C-alpha atoms as a PDB file:
ATOM      1  CA  UNK A   1      19.062 -46.189-144.712  1.00  0.00           C
ATOM      2  CA  UNK A   2      21.656 -43.859-145.930  1.00  0.00           C
ATOM      3  CA  UNK A   3      23.145 -43.851-149.601  1.00  0.00           C
ATOM      4  CA  UNK A   4      26.139 -45.880-149.825  1.00  0.00           C
ATOM      5  CA  UNK A   5      28.991 -44.795-151.630  1.00  0.00           C
ATOM      6  CA  UNK A   6      31.395 -47.679-152.078  1.00  0.00           C
ATOM      7  CA  UNK A   7      31.828 -50.803-150.790  1.00  0.00           C
ATOM      8  CA  UNK A   8      35.222 -52.845-150.250  1.00  0.00           C
ATOM      9  CA  UNK A   9      35.904 -56.192-148.862  1.00  0.00           C
ATOM     10  CA  UNK A  10      35.526 -55.196-145.322  1.00  0.00           C
ATOM     11  CA  UNK A  11      33.690 -51.898-145.119  1.00  0.00           C
ATOM     12  CA  UNK A  12      30.673 -50.140-146.370  1.00  0.00           C
ATOM     13  CA  UNK A  13      31.314 -46.417-147.026  1.00  0.00           C
ATOM     14  CA  UNK A  14      28.131 -44.478-146.800  1.00  0.00           C
ATOM     15  CA  UNK A  15      26.636 -41.276-145.816  1.00  0.00           C
ATOM     16  CA  UNK A  16      26.089 -40.347-142.342  1.00  0.00           C
ATOM     17  CA  UNK A  17      22.685 -39.960-140.941  1.00  0.00           C
ATOM     18  CA  UNK A  18      21.400 -39.224-137.537  1.00  0.00           C
ATOM     19  CA  UNK A  19      21.079 -42.904-136.551  1.00  0.00           C
ATOM     20  CA  UNK A  20      24.658 -42.721-136.316  1.00  0.00           C
ATOM     21  CA  UNK A  21      24.738 -40.505-133.583  1.00  0.00           C
ATOM     22  CA  UNK A  22      26.227 -42.942-131.071  1.00  0.00           C
ATOM     23  CA  UNK A  23      28.788 -44.089-133.122  1.00  0.00           C
ATOM     24  CA  UNK A  24      29.869 -40.540-133.992  1.00  0.00           C
ATOM     25  CA  UNK A  25      30.107 -39.396-130.266  1.00  0.00           C
ATOM     26  CA  UNK A  26      31.883 -42.929-129.514  1.00  0.00           C
ATOM     27  CA  UNK A  27      34.688 -42.008-131.970  1.00  0.00           C
ATOM     28  CA  UNK A  28      34.637 -38.415-131.301  1.00  0.00           C
ATOM     29  CA  UNK A  29      35.150 -38.325-127.601  1.00  0.00           C
ATOM     30  CA  UNK A  30      38.032 -41.221-127.868  1.00  0.00           C
ATOM     31  CA  UNK A  31      41.390 -39.252-126.897  1.00  0.00           C
ATOM     32  CA  UNK A  32      43.468 -41.628-128.933  1.00  0.00           C
ATOM     33  CA  UNK A  33      41.152 -41.140-131.921  1.00  0.00           C
ATOM     34  CA  UNK A  34      41.366 -37.248-131.924  1.00  0.00           C
ATOM     35  CA  UNK A  35      44.961 -36.801-130.272  1.00  0.00           C
ATOM     36  CA  UNK A  36      46.325 -35.498-133.934  1.00  0.00           C
ATOM     37  CA  UNK A  37      43.225 -33.715-134.988  1.00  0.00           C
ATOM     38  CA  UNK A  38      42.465 -29.895-135.219  1.00  0.00           C
ATOM     39  CA  UNK A  39      39.208 -30.531-133.413  1.00  0.00           C
ATOM     40  CA  UNK A  40      40.291 -32.582-130.267  1.00  0.00           C
ATOM     41  CA  UNK A  41      37.787 -32.026-127.504  1.00  0.00           C
ATOM     42  CA  UNK A  42      35.322 -30.082-129.874  1.00  0.00           C
ATOM     43  CA  UNK A  43      32.599 -32.742-129.355  1.00  0.00           C
ATOM     44  CA  UNK A  44      31.837 -33.275-125.661  1.00  0.00           C
ATOM     45  CA  UNK A  45      28.020 -34.013-125.886  1.00  0.00           C
ATOM     46  CA  UNK A  46      25.595 -36.145-128.043  1.00  0.00           C
ATOM     47  CA  UNK A  47      24.123 -32.947-128.776  1.00  0.00           C
ATOM     48  CA  UNK A  48      27.699 -31.743-130.235  1.00  0.00           C
ATOM     49  CA  UNK A  49      27.872 -34.752-132.376  1.00  0.00           C
ATOM     50  CA  UNK A  50      24.165 -34.463-133.591  1.00  0.00           C
ATOM     51  CA  UNK A  51      25.401 -30.954-134.548  1.00  0.00           C
ATOM     52  CA  UNK A  52      28.397 -32.368-136.741  1.00  0.00           C
ATOM     53  CA  UNK A  53      26.053 -34.631-138.374  1.00  0.00           C
ATOM     54  CA  UNK A  54      23.601 -32.018-139.228  1.00  0.00           C
ATOM     55  CA  UNK A  55      25.343 -28.908-139.666  1.00  0.00           C
ATOM     56  CA  UNK A  56      28.526 -30.037-141.178  1.00  0.00           C
ATOM     57  CA  UNK A  57      28.228 -33.483-142.814  1.00  0.00           C
ATOM     58  CA  UNK A  58      24.628 -33.530-143.910  1.00  0.00           C
ATOM     59  CA  UNK A  59      24.845 -29.547-145.010  1.00  0.00           C
ATOM     60  CA  UNK A  60      28.146 -30.532-147.133  1.00  0.00           C
ATOM     61  CA  UNK A  61      26.407 -33.441-148.807  1.00  0.00           C
ATOM     62  CA  UNK A  62      23.690 -31.079-150.047  1.00  0.00           C
ATOM     63  CA  UNK A  63      26.169 -28.244-151.016  1.00  0.00           C
ATOM     64  CA  UNK A  64      29.069 -30.256-152.584  1.00  0.00           C
ATOM     65  CA  UNK A  65      27.996 -33.698-153.148  1.00  0.00           C
ATOM     66  CA  UNK A  66      30.218 -35.205-150.631  1.00  0.00           C
ATOM     67  CA  UNK A  67      31.964 -34.905-147.089  1.00  0.00           C
ATOM     68  CA  UNK A  68      33.230 -37.246-144.712  1.00  0.00           C
ATOM     69  CA  UNK A  69      31.555 -40.724-145.183  1.00  0.00           C
ATOM     70  CA  UNK A  70      30.864 -43.242-142.494  1.00  0.00           C
ATOM     71  CA  UNK A  71      33.012 -46.348-142.428  1.00  0.00           C
ATOM     72  CA  UNK A  72      30.676 -49.105-141.447  1.00  0.00           C
ATOM     73  CA  UNK A  73      32.574 -52.526-140.605  1.00  0.00           C
ATOM     74  CA  UNK A  74      30.989 -55.237-142.408  1.00  0.00           C
ATOM     75  CA  UNK A  75      31.553 -58.118-140.147  1.00  0.00           C
ATOM     76  CA  UNK A  76      30.314 -56.300-137.017  1.00  0.00           C
ATOM     77  CA  UNK A  77      27.922 -54.002-138.714  1.00  0.00           C
ATOM     78  CA  UNK A  78      29.298 -51.148-136.482  1.00  0.00           C
ATOM     79  CA  UNK A  79      30.068 -47.683-137.707  1.00  0.00           C
ATOM     80  CA  UNK A  80      33.862 -47.381-136.444  1.00  0.00           C
ATOM     81  CA  UNK A  81      34.734 -44.059-137.848  1.00  0.00           C
ATOM     82  CA  UNK A  82      34.829 -41.880-140.889  1.00  0.00           C
ATOM     83  CA  UNK A  83      36.705 -41.630-144.288  1.00  0.00           C
ATOM     84  CA  UNK A  84      36.125 -39.048-147.068  1.00  0.00           C
ATOM     85  CA  UNK A  85      36.653 -35.618-148.429  1.00  0.00           C
ATOM     86  CA  UNK A  86      36.278 -32.078-147.031  1.00  0.00           C
ATOM     87  CA  UNK A  87      36.020 -28.790-149.159  1.00  0.00           C
ATOM     88  CA  UNK A  88      38.211 -26.820-146.585  1.00  0.00           C
ATOM     89  CA  UNK A  89      37.935 -22.971-147.383  1.00  0.00           C
ATOM     90  CA  UNK A  90      40.758 -22.571-144.691  1.00  0.00           C
ATOM     91  CA  UNK A  91      43.126 -24.317-146.834  1.00  0.00           C
ATOM     92  CA  UNK A  92      41.499 -23.353-149.875  1.00  0.00           C
ATOM     93  CA  UNK A  93      41.443 -27.148-151.201  1.00  0.00           C
ATOM     94  CA  UNK A  94      39.599 -30.592-150.774  1.00  0.00           C
ATOM     95  CA  UNK A  95      41.379 -32.703-148.265  1.00  0.00           C
ATOM     96  CA  UNK A  96      41.174 -36.452-147.451  1.00  0.00           C
ATOM     97  CA  UNK A  97      40.800 -37.481-144.016  1.00  0.00           C
ATOM     98  CA  UNK A  98      39.774 -40.443-141.732  1.00  0.00           C
ATOM     99  CA  UNK A  99      39.232 -41.589-138.453  1.00  0.00           C
ATOM    100  CA  UNK A 100      38.389 -44.868-136.874  1.00  0.00           C
ATOM    101  CA  UNK A 101      38.332 -46.607-133.270  1.00  0.00           C
ATOM    102  CA  UNK A 102      41.757 -47.883-132.250  1.00  0.00           C
ATOM    103  CA  UNK A 103      40.505 -51.430-131.986  1.00  0.00           C
ATOM    104  CA  UNK A 104      40.485 -51.419-135.774  1.00  0.00           C
ATOM    105  CA  UNK A 105      43.750 -49.802-136.269  1.00  0.00           C
ATOM    106  CA  UNK A 106      46.670 -51.791-137.844  1.00  0.00           C
ATOM    107  CA  UNK A 107      44.460 -53.900-139.778  1.00  0.00           C
ATOM    108  CA  UNK A 108      44.762 -51.793-143.105  1.00  0.00           C
ATOM    109  CA  UNK A 109      41.232 -50.689-142.814  1.00  0.00           C
ATOM    110  CA  UNK A 110      42.719 -46.972-143.203  1.00  0.00           C
ATOM    111  CA  UNK A 111      44.220 -47.571-146.497  1.00  0.00           C
ATOM    112  CA  UNK A 112      41.502 -49.767-147.872  1.00  0.00           C
ATOM    113  CA  UNK A 113      38.997 -46.846-147.005  1.00  0.00           C
ATOM    114  CA  UNK A 114      41.290 -44.577-148.637  1.00  0.00           C
ATOM    115  CA  UNK A 115      42.150 -46.135-151.685  1.00  0.00           C
ATOM    116  CA  UNK A 116      38.469 -46.691-152.169  1.00  0.00           C
ATOM    117  CA  UNK A 117      37.627 -42.882-151.820  1.00  0.00           C
ATOM    118  CA  UNK A 118      40.212 -41.853-154.049  1.00  0.00           C
ATOM    119  CA  UNK A 119      38.916 -44.411-156.589  1.00  0.00           C
ATOM    120  CA  UNK A 120      35.483 -43.245-156.359  1.00  0.00           C
ATOM    121  CA  UNK A 121      36.681 -39.571-156.638  1.00  0.00           C
ATOM    122  CA  UNK A 122      38.640 -40.070-159.880  1.00  0.00           C
ATOM    123  CA  UNK A 123      35.561 -41.678-161.338  1.00  0.00           C
ATOM    124  CA  UNK A 124      32.548 -39.715-159.929  1.00  0.00           C
ATOM    125  CA  UNK A 125      34.021 -36.336-158.737  1.00  0.00           C
ATOM    126  CA  UNK A 126      35.175 -33.230-160.737  1.00  0.00           C
ATOM    127  CA  UNK A 127      38.401 -32.808-158.370  1.00  0.00           C
ATOM    128  CA  UNK A 128      41.900 -32.514-159.768  1.00  0.00           C
ATOM    129  CA  UNK A 129      43.987 -32.239-156.481  1.00  0.00           C
ATOM    130  CA  UNK A 130      43.382 -33.478-152.993  1.00  0.00           C
ATOM    131  CA  UNK A 131      45.507 -32.522-149.981  1.00  0.00           C
ATOM    132  CA  UNK A 132      46.152 -34.560-146.731  1.00  0.00           C
ATOM    133  CA  UNK A 133      47.365 -32.877-143.769  1.00  0.00           C
ATOM    134  CA  UNK A 134      48.768 -34.712-140.636  1.00  0.00           C
ATOM    135  CA  UNK A 135      50.379 -33.268-137.543  1.00  0.00           C
ATOM    136  CA  UNK A 136      54.065 -34.076-137.825  1.00  0.00           C
ATOM    137  CA  UNK A 137      54.143 -36.884-134.809  1.00  0.00           C
ATOM    138  CA  UNK A 138      51.084 -38.324-136.627  1.00  0.00           C
ATOM    139  CA  UNK A 139      53.584 -41.036-138.360  1.00  0.00           C
ATOM    140  CA  UNK A 140      51.249 -43.636-139.076  1.00  0.00           C
ATOM    141  CA  UNK A 141      48.738 -41.208-140.969  1.00  0.00           C
ATOM    142  CA  UNK A 142      51.726 -39.942-142.917  1.00  0.00           C
ATOM    143  CA  UNK A 143      52.811 -43.485-144.032  1.00  0.00           C
ATOM    144  CA  UNK A 144      49.116 -44.130-145.110  1.00  0.00           C
ATOM    145  CA  UNK A 145      49.324 -40.858-147.387  1.00  0.00           C
ATOM    146  CA  UNK A 146      52.483 -41.762-148.776  1.00  0.00           C
ATOM    147  CA  UNK A 147      51.460 -45.673-149.521  1.00  0.00           C
ATOM    148  CA  UNK A 148      48.573 -44.033-151.361  1.00  0.00           C
ATOM    149  CA  UNK A 149      51.090 -41.891-153.522  1.00  0.00           C
ATOM    150  CA  UNK A 150      50.537 -38.609-151.839  1.00  0.00           C
ATOM    151  CA  UNK A 151      53.572 -36.517-152.107  1.00  0.00           C
ATOM    152  CA  UNK A 152      55.098 -34.189-149.185  1.00  0.00           C
ATOM    153  CA  UNK A 153      54.677 -30.596-150.109  1.00  0.00           C
ATOM    154  CA  UNK A 154      55.245 -28.515-147.069  1.00  0.00           C
ATOM    155  CA  UNK A 155      55.615 -28.280-143.515  1.00  0.00           C
ATOM    156  CA  UNK A 156      53.746 -25.326-141.194  1.00  0.00           C
ATOM    157  CA  UNK A 157      52.924 -24.557-137.726  1.00  0.00           C
ATOM    158  CA  UNK A 158      49.291 -24.380-136.777  1.00  0.00           C
ATOM    159  CA  UNK A 159      47.603 -23.743-133.589  1.00  0.00           C
ATOM    160  CA  UNK A 160      50.722 -24.877-131.799  1.00  0.00           C
ATOM    161  CA  UNK A 161      51.664 -28.015-133.536  1.00  0.00           C
ATOM    162  CA  UNK A 162      53.539 -28.660-136.942  1.00  0.00           C
ATOM    163  CA  UNK A 163      51.376 -29.689-139.753  1.00  0.00           C
ATOM    164  CA  UNK A 164      52.860 -31.935-142.952  1.00  0.00           C
ATOM    165  CA  UNK A 165      50.787 -31.180-146.035  1.00  0.00           C
ATOM    166  CA  UNK A 166      50.694 -33.787-148.903  1.00  0.00           C
ATOM    167  CA  UNK A 167      49.133 -33.516-152.231  1.00  0.00           C
ATOM    168  CA  UNK A 168      47.790 -36.024-154.888  1.00  0.00           C
ATOM    169  CA  UNK A 169      46.826 -35.088-158.306  1.00  0.00           C
ATOM    170  CA  UNK A 170      43.990 -37.397-159.618  1.00  0.00           C
ATOM    171  CA  UNK A 171      44.156 -35.644-163.060  1.00  0.00           C
ATOM    172  CA  UNK A 172      46.841 -33.982-164.923  1.00  0.00           C
ATOM    173  CA  UNK A 173      45.833 -30.186-165.591  1.00  0.00           C
ATOM    174  CA  UNK A 174      46.447 -29.384-169.365  1.00  0.00           C
ATOM    175  CA  UNK A 175      49.601 -27.477-169.808  1.00  0.00           C
ATOM    176  CA  UNK A 176      49.707 -24.010-171.385  1.00  0.00           C
END
């Protein structure tokens, strides 16, 4: 069993492990799930999914103590996606990201998972600022970020799409 990070009323948020291979493959090849992500089409095989689990998430747990975490739906027991943080060298910051299978959209699960992750970060992680980035057409994810208290910062072109950047300060930095 993987390390449980947080439990909410409807979700177990835990570290991924190789037993999650089929779930990662399922949500990663779903075009509705990856439509607005920077890595749509990156996972084509189960071996690709295994590579993400091993070389990204498990490696980042060891290096940073966090990465994207599995979202396990309590009622069904199914891993339905991910939520959590990524220390992203490309943007020189830590970002909050999430994905889940379409049959779980529109139930408030993204907000529930992100809220729990942010509360966890405030209590257990040495992070001051979190970014959230969304493709401009992904208004549902932008709405989730705004509901969580993220503030719009900028908009910029990247790989043929326009990205909206939001930020949330978990702690105030000392002045001076």
